[in-house]
PDB file of all heavy atoms in Angstrom:
ATOM      1  N   GLU A   1      -8.121  -0.218   1.560  1.00  0.00           N
ATOM      2  CA  GLU A   1      -7.972  -0.798   2.902  1.00  0.00           C
ATOM      3  C   GLU A   1      -6.915  -0.053   3.724  1.00  0.00           C
ATOM      4  O   GLU A   1      -6.388  -0.602   4.682  1.00  0.00           O
ATOM      5  CB  GLU A   1      -7.605  -2.278   2.788  1.00  0.00           C
ATOM      6  CG  GLU A   1      -8.667  -3.108   2.080  1.00  0.00           C
ATOM      7  CD  GLU A   1      -8.253  -4.568   1.944  1.00  0.00           C
ATOM      8  OE1 GLU A   1      -7.570  -4.896   0.951  1.00  0.00           O
ATOM      9  OE2 GLU A   1      -8.613  -5.363   2.824  1.00  0.00           O
ATOM     10  N   LYS A   2      -6.632   1.193   3.356  1.00  0.00           N
ATOM     11  CA  LYS A   2      -5.600   1.953   4.064  1.00  0.00           C
ATOM     12  C   LYS A   2      -6.000   2.198   5.510  1.00  0.00           C
ATOM     13  O   LYS A   2      -7.053   2.739   5.801  1.00  0.00           O
ATOM     14  CB  LYS A   2      -5.350   3.287   3.365  1.00  0.00           C
ATOM     15  CG  LYS A   2      -4.253   4.117   4.029  1.00  0.00           C
ATOM     16  CD  LYS A   2      -3.922   5.366   3.231  1.00  0.00           C
ATOM     17  CE  LYS A   2      -5.019   6.385   3.297  1.00  0.00           C
ATOM     18  NZ  LYS A   2      -4.658   7.654   2.639  1.00  0.00           N
ATOM     19  N   ASP A   3      -5.129   1.778   6.408  1.00  0.00           N
ATOM     20  CA  ASP A   3      -5.282   2.040   7.839  1.00  0.00           C
ATOM     21  C   ASP A   3      -3.869   2.061   8.411  1.00  0.00           C
ATOM     22  O   ASP A   3      -3.276   1.010   8.660  1.00  0.00           O
ATOM     23  CB  ASP A   3      -6.131   0.963   8.516  1.00  0.00           C
ATOM     24  CG  ASP A   3      -6.259   1.199  10.013  1.00  0.00           C
ATOM     25  OD1 ASP A   3      -5.759   2.238  10.498  1.00  0.00           O
ATOM     26  OD2 ASP A   3      -6.839   0.340  10.711  1.00  0.00           O
ATOM     27  N   LEU A   4      -3.340   3.243   8.611  1.00  0.00           N
ATOM     28  CA  LEU A   4      -1.940   3.372   9.013  1.00  0.00           C
ATOM     29  C   LEU A   4      -1.742   3.262  10.520  1.00  0.00           C
ATOM     30  O   LEU A   4      -0.645   3.508  11.017  1.00  0.00           O
ATOM     31  CB  LEU A   4      -1.379   4.706   8.500  1.00  0.00           C
ATOM     32  CG  LEU A   4      -1.551   4.953   6.999  1.00  0.00           C
ATOM     33  CD1 LEU A   4      -0.863   6.247   6.593  1.00  0.00           C
ATOM     34  CD2 LEU A   4      -1.030   3.787   6.184  1.00  0.00           C
ATOM     35  N   THR A   5      -2.790   2.868  11.241  1.00  0.00           N
ATOM     36  CA  THR A   5      -2.671   2.728  12.701  1.00  0.00           C
ATOM     37  C   THR A   5      -2.402   1.290  13.130  1.00  0.00           C
ATOM     38  O   THR A   5      -2.191   1.037  14.314  1.00  0.00           O
ATOM     39  CB  THR A   5      -3.959   3.206  13.398  1.00  0.00           C
ATOM     40  OG1 THR A   5      -5.045   2.334  13.036  1.00  0.00           O
ATOM     41  CG2 THR A   5      -4.288   4.633  12.992  1.00  0.00           C
ATOM     42  N   THR A   6      -2.418   0.350  12.174  1.00  0.00           N
ATOM     43  CA  THR A   6      -2.178  -1.051  12.517  1.00  0.00           C
ATOM     44  C   THR A   6      -1.139  -1.646  11.575  1.00  0.00           C
ATOM     45  O   THR A   6      -0.952  -1.171  10.445  1.00  0.00           O
ATOM     46  CB  THR A   6      -3.466  -1.897  12.403  1.00  0.00           C
ATOM     47  OG1 THR A   6      -3.888  -1.939  11.021  1.00  0.00           O
ATOM     48  CG2 THR A   6      -4.584  -1.295  13.251  1.00  0.00           C
ATOM     49  N   ILE A   7      -0.474  -2.704  12.037  1.00  0.00           N
ATOM     50  CA  ILE A   7       0.500  -3.411  11.202  1.00  0.00           C
ATOM     51  C   ILE A   7      -0.184  -3.966   9.960  1.00  0.00           C
ATOM     52  O   ILE A   7       0.326  -3.852   8.842  1.00  0.00           O
ATOM     53  CB  ILE A   7       1.162  -4.560  11.997  1.00  0.00           C
ATOM     54  CG1 ILE A   7       2.074  -3.999  13.097  1.00  0.00           C
ATOM     55  CG2 ILE A   7       1.957  -5.468  11.066  1.00  0.00           C
ATOM     56  CD1 ILE A   7       3.323  -3.337  12.565  1.00  0.00           C
ATOM     57  N   GLU A   8      -1.369  -4.567  10.138  1.00  0.00           N
ATOM     58  CA  GLU A   8      -2.087  -5.151   9.009  1.00  0.00           C
ATOM     59  C   GLU A   8      -2.470  -4.093   7.982  1.00  0.00           C
ATOM     60  O   GLU A   8      -2.297  -4.282   6.776  1.00  0.00           O
ATOM     61  CB  GLU A   8      -3.341  -5.875   9.507  1.00  0.00           C
ATOM     62  CG  GLU A   8      -4.125  -6.559   8.391  1.00  0.00           C
ATOM     63  CD  GLU A   8      -5.385  -7.239   8.891  1.00  0.00           C
ATOM     64  OE1 GLU A   8      -5.709  -7.101  10.093  1.00  0.00           O
ATOM     65  OE2 GLU A   8      -6.061  -7.895   8.075  1.00  0.00           O
ATOM     66  N   GLY A   9      -2.975  -2.953   8.458  1.00  0.00           N
ATOM     67  CA  GLY A   9      -3.380  -1.888   7.546  1.00  0.00           C
ATOM     68  C   GLY A   9      -2.207  -1.284   6.808  1.00  0.00           C
ATOM     69  O   GLY A   9      -2.290  -1.002   5.606  1.00  0.00           O
ATOM     70  N   LEU A  10      -1.091  -1.104   7.503  1.00  0.00           N
ATOM     71  CA  LEU A  10       0.100  -0.558   6.864  1.00  0.00           C
ATOM     72  C   LEU A  10       0.654  -1.540   5.840  1.00  0.00           C
ATOM     73  O   LEU A  10       1.093  -1.149   4.751  1.00  0.00           O
ATOM     74  CB  LEU A  10       1.161  -0.232   7.922  1.00  0.00           C
ATOM     75  CG  LEU A  10       2.465   0.399   7.421  1.00  0.00           C
ATOM     76  CD1 LEU A  10       2.191   1.646   6.603  1.00  0.00           C
ATOM     77  CD2 LEU A  10       3.370   0.723   8.596  1.00  0.00           C
ATOM     78  N   THR A  11       0.626  -2.830   6.184  1.00  0.00           N
ATOM     79  CA  THR A  11       1.094  -3.861   5.255  1.00  0.00           C
ATOM     80  C   THR A  11       0.278  -3.844   3.971  1.00  0.00           C
ATOM     81  O   THR A  11       0.833  -3.901   2.867  1.00  0.00           O
ATOM     82  CB  THR A  11       0.998  -5.253   5.912  1.00  0.00           C
ATOM     83  OG1 THR A  11       1.826  -5.279   7.075  1.00  0.00           O
ATOM     84  CG2 THR A  11       1.457  -6.336   4.943  1.00  0.00           C
ATOM     85  N   LYS A  12      -1.042  -3.754   4.103  1.00  0.00           N
ATOM     86  CA  LYS A  12      -1.907  -3.750   2.913  1.00  0.00           C
ATOM     87  C   LYS A  12      -1.672  -2.495   2.064  1.00  0.00           C
ATOM     88  O   LYS A  12      -1.711  -2.557   0.833  1.00  0.00           O
ATOM     89  CB  LYS A  12      -3.369  -3.830   3.338  1.00  0.00           C
ATOM     90  CG  LYS A  12      -3.757  -5.209   3.860  1.00  0.00           C
ATOM     91  CD  LYS A  12      -5.226  -5.266   4.255  1.00  0.00           C
ATOM     92  CE  LYS A  12      -5.592  -6.663   4.720  1.00  0.00           C
ATOM     93  NZ  LYS A  12      -7.014  -6.748   5.156  1.00  0.00           N
ATOM     94  N   THR A  13      -1.419  -1.371   2.722  1.00  0.00           N
ATOM     95  CA  THR A  13      -1.147  -0.140   1.983  1.00  0.00           C
ATOM     96  C   THR A  13       0.179  -0.233   1.243  1.00  0.00           C
ATOM     97  O   THR A  13       0.295   0.196   0.088  1.00  0.00           O
ATOM     98  CB  THR A  13      -1.131   1.068   2.942  1.00  0.00           C
ATOM     99  OG1 THR A  13      -2.325   1.071   3.725  1.00  0.00           O
ATOM    100  CG2 THR A  13      -1.040   2.374   2.171  1.00  0.00           C
ATOM    101  N   LEU A  14       1.194  -0.810   1.895  1.00  0.00           N
ATOM    102  CA  LEU A  14       2.487  -1.010   1.242  1.00  0.00           C
ATOM    103  C   LEU A  14       2.362  -1.956   0.053  1.00  0.00           C
ATOM    104  O   LEU A  14       2.955  -1.730  -1.003  1.00  0.00           O
ATOM    105  CB  LEU A  14       3.492  -1.576   2.252  1.00  0.00           C
ATOM    106  CG  LEU A  14       4.161  -0.565   3.184  1.00  0.00           C
ATOM    107  CD1 LEU A  14       4.869  -1.278   4.320  1.00  0.00           C
ATOM    108  CD2 LEU A  14       5.155   0.293   2.421  1.00  0.00           C
ATOM    109  N   GLU A  15       1.592  -3.025   0.235  1.00  0.00           N
ATOM    110  CA  GLU A  15       1.369  -3.966  -0.872  1.00  0.00           C
ATOM    111  C   GLU A  15       0.729  -3.247  -2.053  1.00  0.00           C
ATOM    112  O   GLU A  15       1.139  -3.435  -3.210  1.00  0.00           O
ATOM    113  CB  GLU A  15       0.460  -5.112  -0.412  1.00  0.00           C
ATOM    114  CG  GLU A  15       1.135  -6.139   0.462  1.00  0.00           C
ATOM    115  CD  GLU A  15       0.194  -7.288   0.779  1.00  0.00           C
ATOM    116  OE1 GLU A  15      -0.654  -7.624  -0.071  1.00  0.00           O
ATOM    117  OE2 GLU A  15       0.293  -7.839   1.887  1.00  0.00           O
ATOM    118  N   PHE A  16      -0.286  -2.451  -1.782  1.00  0.00           N
ATOM    119  CA  PHE A  16      -0.971  -1.721  -2.847  1.00  0.00           C
ATOM    120  C   PHE A  16      -0.005  -0.792  -3.567  1.00  0.00           C
ATOM    121  O   PHE A  16       0.040  -0.761  -4.808  1.00  0.00           O
ATOM    122  CB  PHE A  16      -2.134  -0.919  -2.250  1.00  0.00           C
ATOM    123  CG  PHE A  16      -2.856  -0.053  -3.250  1.00  0.00           C
ATOM    124  CD1 PHE A  16      -3.890  -0.574  -4.021  1.00  0.00           C
ATOM    125  CD2 PHE A  16      -2.499   1.279  -3.435  1.00  0.00           C
ATOM    126  CE1 PHE A  16      -4.543   0.224  -4.953  1.00  0.00           C
ATOM    127  CE2 PHE A  16      -3.150   2.080  -4.363  1.00  0.00           C
ATOM    128  CZ  PHE A  16      -4.177   1.551  -5.125  1.00  0.00           C
ATOM    129  N   GLU A  17       0.790  -0.044  -2.818  1.00  0.00           N
ATOM    130  CA  GLU A  17       1.687   0.941  -3.414  1.00  0.00           C
ATOM    131  C   GLU A  17       2.825   0.305  -4.215  1.00  0.00           C
ATOM    132  O   GLU A  17       3.302   0.890  -5.184  1.00  0.00           O
ATOM    133  CB  GLU A  17       2.263   1.847  -2.324  1.00  0.00           C
ATOM    134  CG  GLU A  17       1.309   2.920  -1.851  1.00  0.00           C
ATOM    135  CD  GLU A  17       0.935   3.885  -2.970  1.00  0.00           C
ATOM    136  OE1 GLU A  17       1.836   4.298  -3.720  1.00  0.00           O
ATOM    137  OE2 GLU A  17      -0.261   4.200  -3.105  1.00  0.00           O
ATOM    138  N   THR A  18       3.269  -0.882  -3.830  1.00  0.00           N
ATOM    139  CA  THR A  18       4.407  -1.505  -4.514  1.00  0.00           C
ATOM    140  C   THR A  18       4.010  -2.565  -5.527  1.00  0.00           C
ATOM    141  O   THR A  18       4.790  -2.870  -6.431  1.00  0.00           O
ATOM    142  CB  THR A  18       5.361  -2.148  -3.486  1.00  0.00           C
ATOM    143  OG1 THR A  18       4.627  -3.041  -2.637  1.00  0.00           O
ATOM    144  CG2 THR A  18       6.039  -1.099  -2.638  1.00  0.00           C
ATOM    145  N   LEU A  19       2.788  -3.115  -5.419  1.00  0.00           N
ATOM    146  CA  LEU A  19       2.403  -4.224  -6.292  1.00  0.00           C
ATOM    147  C   LEU A  19       1.262  -3.895  -7.242  1.00  0.00           C
ATOM    148  O   LEU A  19       1.136  -4.525  -8.298  1.00  0.00           O
ATOM    149  CB  LEU A  19       2.016  -5.449  -5.446  1.00  0.00           C
ATOM    150  CG  LEU A  19       3.097  -5.957  -4.476  1.00  0.00           C
ATOM    151  CD1 LEU A  19       2.557  -7.141  -3.678  1.00  0.00           C
ATOM    152  CD2 LEU A  19       4.360  -6.352  -5.218  1.00  0.00           C
ATOM    153  N   SER A  20       0.433  -2.919  -6.881  1.00  0.00           N
ATOM    154  CA  SER A  20      -0.702  -2.577  -7.737  1.00  0.00           C
ATOM    155  C   SER A  20      -0.284  -1.570  -8.805  1.00  0.00           C
ATOM    156  O   SER A  20       0.540  -0.685  -8.563  1.00  0.00           O
ATOM    157  CB  SER A  20      -1.833  -1.981  -6.891  1.00  0.00           C
ATOM    158  OG  SER A  20      -2.836  -1.425  -7.713  1.00  0.00           O
ATOM    159  N   ASN A  21      -0.886  -1.702  -9.970  1.00  0.00           N
ATOM    160  CA  ASN A  21      -0.601  -0.747 -11.044  1.00  0.00           C
ATOM    161  C   ASN A  21      -1.108   0.651 -10.717  1.00  0.00           C
ATOM    162  O   ASN A  21      -0.722   1.629 -11.357  1.00  0.00           O
ATOM    163  CB  ASN A  21      -1.244  -1.228 -12.347  1.00  0.00           C
ATOM    164  CG  ASN A  21      -0.544  -2.453 -12.914  1.00  0.00           C
ATOM    165  OD1 ASN A  21       0.653  -2.645 -12.701  1.00  0.00           O
ATOM    166  ND2 ASN A  21      -1.293  -3.291 -13.617  1.00  0.00           N
ATOM    167  N   GLN A  22      -1.997   0.771  -9.705  1.00  0.00           N
ATOM    168  CA  GLN A  22      -2.494   2.079  -9.291  1.00  0.00           C
ATOM    169  C   GLN A  22      -1.608   2.711  -8.201  1.00  0.00           C
ATOM    170  O   GLN A  22      -1.831   3.851  -7.804  1.00  0.00           O
ATOM    171  CB  GLN A  22      -3.930   1.973  -8.754  1.00  0.00           C
ATOM    172  CG  GLN A  22      -5.001   1.782  -9.814  1.00  0.00           C
ATOM    173  CD  GLN A  22      -4.983   0.366 -10.390  1.00  0.00           C
ATOM    174  OE1 GLN A  22      -4.961  -0.612  -9.645  1.00  0.00           O
ATOM    175  NE2 GLN A  22      -5.009   0.272 -11.712  1.00  0.00           N
ATOM    176  N   GLY A  23      -0.616   1.961  -7.741  1.00  0.00           N
ATOM    177  CA  GLY A  23       0.249   2.476  -6.689  1.00  0.00           C
ATOM    178  C   GLY A  23       1.221   3.523  -7.212  1.00  0.00           C
ATOM    179  O   GLY A  23       1.883   3.318  -8.238  1.00  0.00           O
ATOM    180  N   GLU A  24       1.315   4.642  -6.527  1.00  0.00           N
ATOM    181  CA  GLU A  24       2.195   5.722  -6.965  1.00  0.00           C
ATOM    182  C   GLU A  24       3.668   5.304  -6.897  1.00  0.00           C
ATOM    183  O   GLU A  24       4.469   5.653  -7.764  1.00  0.00           O
ATOM    184  CB  GLU A  24       1.964   6.966  -6.099  1.00  0.00           C
ATOM    185  CG  GLU A  24       2.775   8.181  -6.540  1.00  0.00           C
ATOM    186  CD  GLU A  24       2.527   9.396  -5.678  1.00  0.00           C
ATOM    187  OE1 GLU A  24       1.734   9.298  -4.722  1.00  0.00           O
ATOM    188  OE2 GLU A  24       3.131  10.451  -5.958  1.00  0.00           O
ATOM    189  N   ILE A  25       4.032   4.551  -5.863  1.00  0.00           N
ATOM    190  CA  ILE A  25       5.427   4.109  -5.721  1.00  0.00           C
ATOM    191  C   ILE A  25       5.818   3.198  -6.867  1.00  0.00           C
ATOM    192  O   ILE A  25       6.872   3.361  -7.489  1.00  0.00           O
ATOM    193  CB  ILE A  25       5.628   3.398  -4.365  1.00  0.00           C
ATOM    194  CG1 ILE A  25       5.488   4.403  -3.218  1.00  0.00           C
ATOM    195  CG2 ILE A  25       7.005   2.736  -4.298  1.00  0.00           C
ATOM    196  CD1 ILE A  25       5.569   3.783  -1.826  1.00  0.00           C
ATOM    197  N   LYS A  26       4.944   2.233  -7.167  1.00  0.00           N
ATOM    198  CA  LYS A  26       5.255   1.310  -8.264  1.00  0.00           C
ATOM    199  C   LYS A  26       5.343   2.059  -9.594  1.00  0.00           C
ATOM    200  O   LYS A  26       6.283   1.826 -10.376  1.00  0.00           O
ATOM    201  CB  LYS A  26       4.188   0.216  -8.366  1.00  0.00           C
ATOM    202  CG  LYS A  26       4.446  -0.743  -9.527  1.00  0.00           C
ATOM    203  CD  LYS A  26       3.404  -1.840  -9.622  1.00  0.00           C
ATOM    204  CE  LYS A  26       3.677  -2.736 -10.813  1.00  0.00           C
ATOM    205  NZ  LYS A  26       2.675  -3.825 -10.941  1.00  0.00           N
ATOM    206  N   ALA A  27       4.405   2.958  -9.844  1.00  0.00           N
ATOM    207  CA  ALA A  27       4.397   3.690 -11.116  1.00  0.00           C
ATOM    208  C   ALA A  27       5.677   4.495 -11.292  1.00  0.00           C
ATOM    209  O   ALA A  27       6.270   4.523 -12.384  1.00  0.00           O
ATOM    210  CB  ALA A  27       3.178   4.607 -11.169  1.00  0.00           C
ATOM    211  N   THR A  28       6.143   5.123 -10.210  1.00  0.00           N
ATOM    212  CA  THR A  28       7.361   5.938 -10.286  1.00  0.00           C
ATOM    213  C   THR A  28       8.583   5.074 -10.544  1.00  0.00           C
ATOM    214  O   THR A  28       9.421   5.401 -11.399  1.00  0.00           O
ATOM    215  CB  THR A  28       7.535   6.731  -8.973  1.00  0.00           C
ATOM    216  OG1 THR A  28       6.380   7.544  -8.766  1.00  0.00           O
ATOM    217  CG2 THR A  28       8.771   7.612  -9.044  1.00  0.00           C
TER     218      THR A  28
END
């Protein structure tokens, strides 16, 4: 659901990166 042009899309991308096991930020 990555869409960096909207607040909602950026929020969902941040959630994925920090909360999902597939997120690069969380894994690091």
